[in-house]
Amino acid sequence: MSRSGPSGGRGADVLVRDHFCIKAGETVLITVDTRTDPSIVDAVWGAAAAVRARPVVLKIPALPYQGRLADPYVPEVLGRAVESCDVWFDITFPYLAGSHVHDQAMGRKRARYLLLGDLDGDGLDRLYGACSLDELFDVQVSLDKILADSEGAECRITNRAGSNLQFRLGRASTKKSRQTRTPGSSTIMGSAIFYPEPDSVKGELFVDAMFHEFYSLLPKPMHLVVDGQIRALYDGGGQSVVAERALRRASGGDFGRIIHFTIGFHPAARFTGASFIEDIRSQGANAVGFGVPWWEPGGGENHPDAVMTAQSVWVGGVQIVRDGSIVHPLGSAEKISAMTHVA
């Protein structure tokens, strides 16, 4: 139970009413799998019903992979359902974003999609019910603008575990909305994504968790060596074999490249190793995406992700993050800490 009722209830109400602005009569499809926490399903379904929308839950077996790699395992009926809904909350993990049915639904320009992934009810309460969305969005816009305005800048990322990467910043291609009223694909606020020029990434990376074939805290940090391509990986406490298999699967045989970084800044998100979606939004976290860039043949959402913690980030010589805390004035740690009103 959360402080204000059943787990997920507070967050689901904000999600439905304040973020996705769901109206009476709209069809809300909630896709779940055999591993989804029932409390978040009940909370989202109940919040949608409370605004007199028409919620529908569709449960499938947990997919073995994400994105296009999941296509052979996605039931045909799901494709028909997503094409005829107004809102699609995806609480599957591995998730359906990037799959053929997702691309078809987005192409029809009807559904408003949100990736909720492996969140549980308590995580939904933290990400949606523990701070003002207006204040969170102000920081989101500030960080996104810093990164979008710095295309071509030389950047550096480090952490105390030994990471030290240098690269040129590529073009921004995604933007989050304070209120989601138009069709398209969305992710939860609290994480700013940025894209390097993949061939420019050089150095060493140490990560604490990884979504390869499943999401897991690593018993020992995994060490990756990068020189344009990922050249080698070591350690990982016995998970390097699974990680290598996932990297090669997503990249057509080799290890692939680094295709994105993120800056997590949500004041209420907790890094526990239990939820990839929440962990990558915790302050100082970085979701590092591997594989083939989405703009190249074979690229897209079928990529593994790793999570590094307590990162430091410099963009064009200006430090944005220091040991996990935002230090840039437009999104400072003090401003972020002041947002949280529910622990």
Protein backbone atom coordinates (compact mmCIF):
# COMPACT_ATOMS: atom_id res chain seq x y z
CA MET A 1 0.00 0.00 0.00
CA SER A 2 1.17 3.55 -0.73
CA ARG A 3 0.54 6.53 1.51
CA SER A 4 -2.67 7.49 -0.25
CA GLY A 5 -4.24 4.17 -1.14
CA PRO A 6 -3.59 1.01 -3.14
CA SER A 7 -0.23 0.74 -4.87
CA GLY A 8 -0.23 2.65 -8.15
CA GLY A 9 -3.48 4.51 -7.57
CA ARG A 10 -2.01 7.95 -7.02
CA GLY A 11 0.37 7.70 -9.99
CA ALA A 12 -2.25 6.21 -12.31
CA ASP A 13 -4.62 9.08 -11.66
CA VAL A 14 -1.94 11.66 -12.60
CA LEU A 15 -0.94 9.62 -15.66
CA VAL A 16 -4.49 9.28 -16.97
CA ARG A 17 -5.84 12.74 -16.15
CA ASP A 18 -2.85 15.06 -16.16
CA HIS A 19 -0.31 13.54 -18.55
CA PHE A 20 -2.39 11.70 -21.17
CA CYS A 21 -5.52 13.84 -20.73
CA ILE A 22 -7.79 10.85 -21.39
CA LYS A 23 -11.40 11.74 -22.13
CA ALA A 24 -14.67 9.92 -21.68
CA GLY A 25 -15.33 7.43 -24.46
CA GLU A 26 -11.69 6.95 -25.50
CA THR A 27 -10.51 3.37 -25.86
CA VAL A 28 -7.51 2.67 -23.63
CA LEU A 29 -5.58 -0.52 -24.42
CA ILE A 30 -3.34 -1.83 -21.62
CA THR A 31 -0.92 -4.50 -22.84
CA VAL A 32 0.59 -6.67 -20.10
CA ASP A 33 2.50 -9.91 -19.92
CA THR A 34 2.80 -12.85 -17.55
CA ARG A 35 5.37 -10.99 -15.41
CA THR A 36 3.49 -7.69 -15.04
CA ASP A 37 2.72 -6.56 -11.49
CA PRO A 38 -1.08 -6.81 -11.04
CA SER A 39 -1.23 -3.66 -8.91
CA ILE A 40 -0.19 -1.37 -11.77
CA VAL A 41 -2.67 -3.02 -14.11
CA ASP A 42 -5.54 -2.55 -11.63
CA ALA A 43 -4.47 1.05 -10.96
CA VAL A 44 -4.26 2.11 -14.61
CA TRP A 45 -7.46 0.28 -15.54
CA GLY A 46 -9.28 1.88 -12.60
CA ALA A 47 -8.04 5.38 -13.36
CA ALA A 48 -9.14 5.06 -17.00
CA ALA A 49 -12.55 3.75 -15.96
CA ALA A 50 -12.93 6.63 -13.48
CA VAL A 51 -12.82 9.19 -16.31
CA ARG A 52 -15.38 7.09 -18.21
CA ALA A 53 -12.91 5.92 -20.83
CA ARG A 54 -13.13 2.36 -22.14
CA PRO A 55 -10.14 0.40 -20.77
CA VAL A 56 -9.21 -3.02 -22.15
CA VAL A 57 -6.46 -5.30 -20.81
CA LEU A 58 -4.70 -7.65 -23.23
CA LYS A 59 -2.31 -10.16 -21.64
CA ILE A 60 0.37 -11.99 -23.63
CA PRO A 61 3.23 -14.33 -22.71
CA ALA A 62 6.39 -12.44 -21.78
CA LEU A 63 8.37 -11.77 -24.95
CA PRO A 64 11.91 -13.14 -25.24
CA TYR A 65 13.19 -9.98 -26.97
CA GLN A 66 12.21 -6.38 -27.63
CA GLY A 67 11.58 -4.47 -30.84
CA ARG A 68 11.69 -6.20 -34.22
CA LEU A 69 13.28 -9.26 -32.67
CA ALA A 70 9.98 -9.85 -30.88
CA ASP A 71 7.91 -9.92 -34.09
CA PRO A 72 7.67 -13.74 -34.41
CA TYR A 73 6.30 -13.97 -30.86
CA VAL A 74 3.64 -11.24 -30.98
CA PRO A 75 0.07 -12.62 -31.31
CA GLU A 76 -1.75 -11.44 -34.43
CA VAL A 77 -4.74 -10.25 -32.42
CA LEU A 78 -2.56 -7.69 -30.64
CA GLY A 79 -1.83 -5.97 -33.93
CA ARG A 80 -5.54 -5.55 -34.57
CA ALA A 81 -6.13 -4.18 -31.07
CA VAL A 82 -3.41 -1.52 -31.16
CA GLU A 83 -4.65 -0.18 -34.49
CA SER A 84 -8.10 0.56 -33.08
CA CYS A 85 -7.31 2.18 -29.72
CA ASP A 86 -6.93 5.85 -28.78
CA VAL A 87 -4.41 5.32 -25.98
CA TRP A 88 -1.98 2.43 -25.58
CA PHE A 89 -0.24 1.85 -22.25
CA ASP A 90 2.40 -0.83 -22.76
CA ILE A 91 3.33 -2.61 -19.50
CA THR A 92 5.24 -5.47 -21.11
CA PHE A 93 8.92 -6.19 -20.62
CA PRO A 94 10.68 -6.83 -22.94
CA TYR A 95 8.45 -4.16 -24.43
CA LEU A 96 6.64 -3.77 -27.74
CA ALA A 97 8.11 -0.40 -28.80
CA GLY A 98 9.96 -0.84 -32.07
CA SER A 99 8.11 -4.01 -33.02
CA HIS A 100 6.15 -4.32 -36.25
CA VAL A 101 2.79 -3.91 -34.47
CA HIS A 102 4.06 -0.78 -32.73
CA ASP A 103 5.28 0.72 -36.00
CA GLN A 104 1.96 -0.08 -37.68
CA ALA A 105 -0.01 1.55 -34.88
CA MET A 106 2.14 4.68 -35.01
CA GLY A 107 1.75 4.78 -38.78
CA ARG A 108 -2.04 4.94 -38.43
CA LYS A 109 -1.62 8.12 -36.36
CA ARG A 110 -4.41 7.35 -33.94
CA ALA A 111 -2.91 5.87 -30.78
CA ARG A 112 -1.06 7.78 -28.07
CA TYR A 113 1.52 5.23 -26.87
CA LEU A 114 3.42 5.19 -23.57
CA LEU A 115 6.16 2.73 -22.64
CA LEU A 116 5.67 1.73 -18.99
CA GLY A 117 7.66 -1.50 -19.31
CA ASP A 118 8.53 -3.22 -16.05
CA LEU A 119 7.16 -0.61 -13.64
CA ASP A 120 5.15 -1.88 -10.69
CA GLY A 121 2.47 0.02 -8.79
CA ASP A 122 4.86 1.60 -6.30
CA GLY A 123 7.16 2.70 -9.12
CA LEU A 124 4.22 4.32 -10.91
CA ASP A 125 3.39 6.22 -7.72
CA ARG A 126 6.97 7.47 -7.45
CA LEU A 127 7.35 8.53 -11.09
CA TYR A 128 3.90 10.10 -11.42
CA GLY A 129 2.64 10.82 -7.93
CA ALA A 130 5.65 12.05 -5.97
CA CYS A 131 6.39 15.41 -7.58
CA SER A 132 4.82 18.13 -9.69
CA LEU A 133 4.78 17.23 -13.38
CA ASP A 134 5.02 20.94 -14.21
CA GLU A 135 8.28 21.28 -12.28
CA LEU A 136 9.62 17.99 -13.63
CA PHE A 137 8.84 19.08 -17.17
CA ASP A 138 10.65 22.40 -16.65
CA VAL A 139 13.86 20.49 -15.91
CA GLN A 140 13.17 18.08 -18.78
CA VAL A 141 12.90 20.96 -21.24
CA SER A 142 16.03 22.65 -19.86
CA LEU A 143 18.21 19.55 -20.17
CA ASP A 144 16.80 18.63 -23.58
CA LYS A 145 17.52 22.17 -24.82
CA ILE A 146 21.12 22.12 -23.57
CA LEU A 147 21.71 18.86 -25.44
CA ALA A 148 19.82 19.86 -28.60
CA ASP A 149 21.67 23.19 -28.84
CA SER A 150 25.08 21.50 -28.51
CA GLU A 151 25.11 19.36 -31.66
CA GLY A 152 28.70 18.70 -32.70
CA ALA A 153 30.13 19.49 -29.26
CA GLU A 154 32.90 17.38 -27.80
CA CYS A 155 31.58 15.49 -24.78
CA ARG A 156 32.92 13.36 -21.98
CA ILE A 157 31.32 10.90 -19.55
CA THR A 158 33.04 9.40 -16.51
CA ASN A 159 32.17 7.67 -13.27
CA ARG A 160 34.02 6.49 -10.18
CA ALA A 161 33.96 2.88 -11.36
CA GLY A 162 36.43 3.79 -14.10
CA SER A 163 34.31 4.88 -17.07
CA ASN A 164 35.93 7.45 -19.34
CA LEU A 165 34.30 8.04 -22.73
CA GLN A 166 34.77 10.86 -25.22
CA PHE A 167 32.58 11.56 -28.28
CA ARG A 168 30.94 14.19 -30.47
CA LEU A 169 27.31 14.96 -29.79
CA GLY A 170 24.91 14.11 -32.62
CA ARG A 171 21.54 15.56 -33.54
CA ALA A 172 18.62 15.47 -31.11
CA SER A 173 15.63 13.57 -32.46
CA THR A 174 13.13 13.12 -29.61
CA LYS A 175 11.09 15.50 -27.48
CA LYS A 176 8.75 14.85 -24.56
CA SER A 177 5.43 16.61 -24.05
CA ARG A 178 3.98 17.90 -20.79
CA GLN A 179 0.53 16.76 -21.91
CA THR A 180 0.06 14.03 -24.49
CA ARG A 181 -2.95 14.87 -26.64
CA THR A 182 -1.74 13.87 -30.11
CA PRO A 183 -0.88 10.46 -31.60
CA GLY A 184 2.65 9.16 -31.30
CA SER A 185 5.08 7.26 -29.12
CA SER A 186 6.10 8.57 -25.69
CA THR A 187 8.33 7.73 -22.76
CA ILE A 188 8.08 8.86 -19.15
CA MET A 189 9.62 12.17 -18.11
CA GLY A 190 12.67 12.17 -15.85
CA SER A 191 15.38 11.12 -18.29
CA ALA A 192 17.05 13.20 -21.01
CA ILE A 193 18.31 11.17 -23.98
CA PHE A 194 21.18 12.26 -26.23
CA TYR A 195 22.80 10.68 -29.24
CA PRO A 196 26.52 10.57 -29.98
CA GLU A 197 27.98 10.31 -33.43
CA PRO A 198 28.49 6.55 -32.96
CA ASP A 199 31.86 6.24 -34.67
CA SER A 200 33.29 9.03 -32.50
CA VAL A 201 32.77 7.21 -29.17
CA LYS A 202 36.09 6.10 -27.68
CA GLY A 203 37.17 4.95 -24.24
CA GLU A 204 36.09 2.62 -21.49
CA LEU A 205 32.71 2.02 -19.92
CA PHE A 206 31.84 0.30 -16.63
CA VAL A 207 28.16 -0.51 -16.09
CA ASP A 208 26.25 -1.69 -13.02
CA ALA A 209 23.14 -3.26 -14.57
CA MET A 210 22.11 -4.49 -18.00
CA PHE A 211 19.02 -5.28 -20.03
CA HIS A 212 20.37 -7.96 -22.34
CA GLU A 213 17.91 -10.88 -22.50
CA PHE A 214 16.49 -9.84 -19.12
CA TYR A 215 17.16 -6.93 -16.77
CA SER A 216 19.59 -7.56 -13.95
CA LEU A 217 21.95 -5.92 -11.51
CA LEU A 218 25.38 -7.25 -12.37
CA PRO A 219 27.22 -9.12 -9.57
CA LYS A 220 30.32 -7.29 -10.77
CA PRO A 221 30.54 -4.23 -13.07
CA MET A 222 30.85 -5.07 -16.74
CA HIS A 223 33.76 -3.44 -18.57
CA LEU A 224 33.39 -2.49 -22.24
CA VAL A 225 36.15 -1.13 -24.47
CA VAL A 226 34.93 1.19 -27.23
CA ASP A 227 36.72 2.58 -30.28
CA GLY A 228 33.88 3.50 -32.62
CA GLN A 229 32.78 -0.12 -32.38
CA ILE A 230 32.56 -2.00 -29.10
CA ARG A 231 35.81 -3.96 -29.22
CA ALA A 232 35.66 -6.08 -26.07
CA LEU A 233 33.70 -6.74 -22.91
CA TYR A 234 34.87 -8.24 -19.65
CA ASP A 235 33.63 -9.24 -16.19
CA GLY A 236 29.94 -8.72 -15.36
CA GLY A 237 29.95 -11.42 -12.71
CA GLY A 238 29.14 -14.27 -15.08
CA GLN A 239 26.73 -12.34 -17.32
CA SER A 240 29.22 -11.46 -20.05
CA VAL A 241 28.15 -14.50 -22.09
CA VAL A 242 24.51 -13.38 -22.10
CA ALA A 243 25.54 -9.79 -22.81
CA GLU A 244 27.76 -10.81 -25.71
CA ARG A 245 24.96 -12.90 -27.19
CA ALA A 246 22.54 -9.96 -26.95
CA LEU A 247 25.01 -7.50 -28.49
CA ARG A 248 25.73 -9.78 -31.44
CA ARG A 249 22.04 -10.54 -31.96
CA ALA A 250 21.15 -6.83 -32.13
CA SER A 251 24.07 -5.90 -34.38
CA GLY A 252 24.08 -8.64 -36.98
CA GLY A 253 27.04 -10.55 -35.62
CA ASP A 254 29.48 -8.03 -34.16
CA PHE A 255 29.30 -6.10 -30.88
CA GLY A 256 27.79 -2.98 -32.43
CA ARG A 257 28.23 0.60 -31.29
CA ILE A 258 26.98 2.93 -28.59
CA ILE A 259 23.87 4.61 -29.99
CA HIS A 260 22.54 6.67 -27.08
CA PHE A 261 23.20 7.98 -23.57
CA THR A 262 20.81 9.47 -21.01
CA ILE A 263 20.80 11.66 -17.93
CA GLY A 264 18.41 10.43 -15.22
CA PHE A 265 17.10 13.20 -12.96
CA HIS A 266 13.74 12.16 -11.47
CA PRO A 267 13.80 13.18 -7.79
CA ALA A 268 11.70 10.25 -6.57
CA ALA A 269 13.04 7.43 -8.75
CA ARG A 270 14.94 4.68 -6.93
CA PHE A 271 17.78 2.60 -8.31
CA THR A 272 17.07 -0.91 -7.01
CA GLY A 273 17.80 -3.26 -9.91
CA ALA A 274 14.14 -4.30 -9.91
CA SER A 275 12.88 -2.01 -12.69
CA PHE A 276 14.81 -0.86 -15.74
CA ILE A 277 12.25 1.88 -16.45
CA GLU A 278 12.59 3.38 -12.97
CA ASP A 279 16.33 2.77 -12.52
CA ILE A 280 17.30 4.77 -15.61
CA ARG A 281 15.40 7.79 -14.28
CA SER A 282 17.13 7.81 -10.90
CA GLN A 283 19.45 10.75 -10.38
CA GLY A 284 22.85 10.19 -11.96
CA ALA A 285 21.88 7.10 -13.95
CA ASN A 286 22.76 6.69 -17.61
CA ALA A 287 20.99 4.23 -19.90
CA VAL A 288 23.60 3.37 -22.52
CA GLY A 289 22.10 1.88 -25.70
CA PHE A 290 24.06 -0.55 -27.87
CA GLY A 291 23.54 -1.85 -31.38
CA VAL A 292 22.83 -0.28 -34.77
CA PRO A 293 21.69 3.38 -34.95
CA TRP A 294 18.00 3.70 -35.74
CA TRP A 295 18.70 5.64 -38.97
CA GLU A 296 20.79 2.82 -40.46
CA PRO A 297 19.42 -0.42 -42.04
CA GLY A 298 18.69 -2.93 -39.31
CA GLY A 299 18.64 -0.27 -36.60
CA GLY A 300 15.85 0.48 -34.17
CA GLU A 301 14.55 -0.58 -30.81
CA ASN A 302 16.04 -4.08 -30.88
CA HIS A 303 19.03 -3.06 -28.81
CA PRO A 304 20.42 -4.00 -25.39
CA ASP A 305 20.81 -1.29 -22.76
CA ALA A 306 23.20 -1.03 -19.82
CA VAL A 307 22.97 1.29 -16.82
CA MET A 308 25.88 3.15 -15.28
CA THR A 309 25.46 5.10 -12.06
CA ALA A 310 26.91 8.24 -10.43
CA GLN A 311 28.02 9.61 -13.78
CA SER A 312 29.71 12.92 -14.55
CA VAL A 313 28.93 14.57 -17.91
CA TRP A 314 30.62 17.42 -19.79
CA VAL A 315 29.12 18.93 -22.96
CA GLY A 316 31.36 21.28 -24.91
CA GLY A 317 33.59 21.75 -21.87
CA VAL A 318 30.67 22.64 -19.56
CA GLN A 319 29.95 20.20 -16.75
CA ILE A 320 26.27 19.21 -16.64
CA VAL A 321 26.43 16.38 -14.08
CA ARG A 322 28.94 15.76 -11.27
CA ASP A 323 28.99 12.34 -9.56
CA GLY A 324 25.29 11.90 -10.26
CA SER A 325 24.09 15.40 -9.32
CA ILE A 326 22.92 17.93 -11.91
CA VAL A 327 25.15 20.99 -11.58
CA HIS A 328 24.00 23.07 -14.56
CA PRO A 329 21.90 26.04 -13.31
CA LEU A 330 18.97 25.24 -15.62
CA GLY A 331 18.46 21.86 -13.96
CA SER A 332 20.41 22.03 -10.71
CA ALA A 333 20.33 19.40 -7.97
CA GLU A 334 18.76 21.94 -5.60
CA LYS A 335 15.94 22.62 -8.04
CA ILE A 336 15.32 18.91 -8.52
CA SER A 337 15.40 18.09 -4.79
CA ALA A 338 12.84 20.80 -4.11
CA MET A 339 10.31 19.10 -6.41
CA THR A 340 9.64 16.04 -4.29
CA HIS A 341 6.66 16.26 -1.96
CA VAL A 342 6.10 12.55 -1.34
CA ALA A 343 8.96 10.18 -0.42
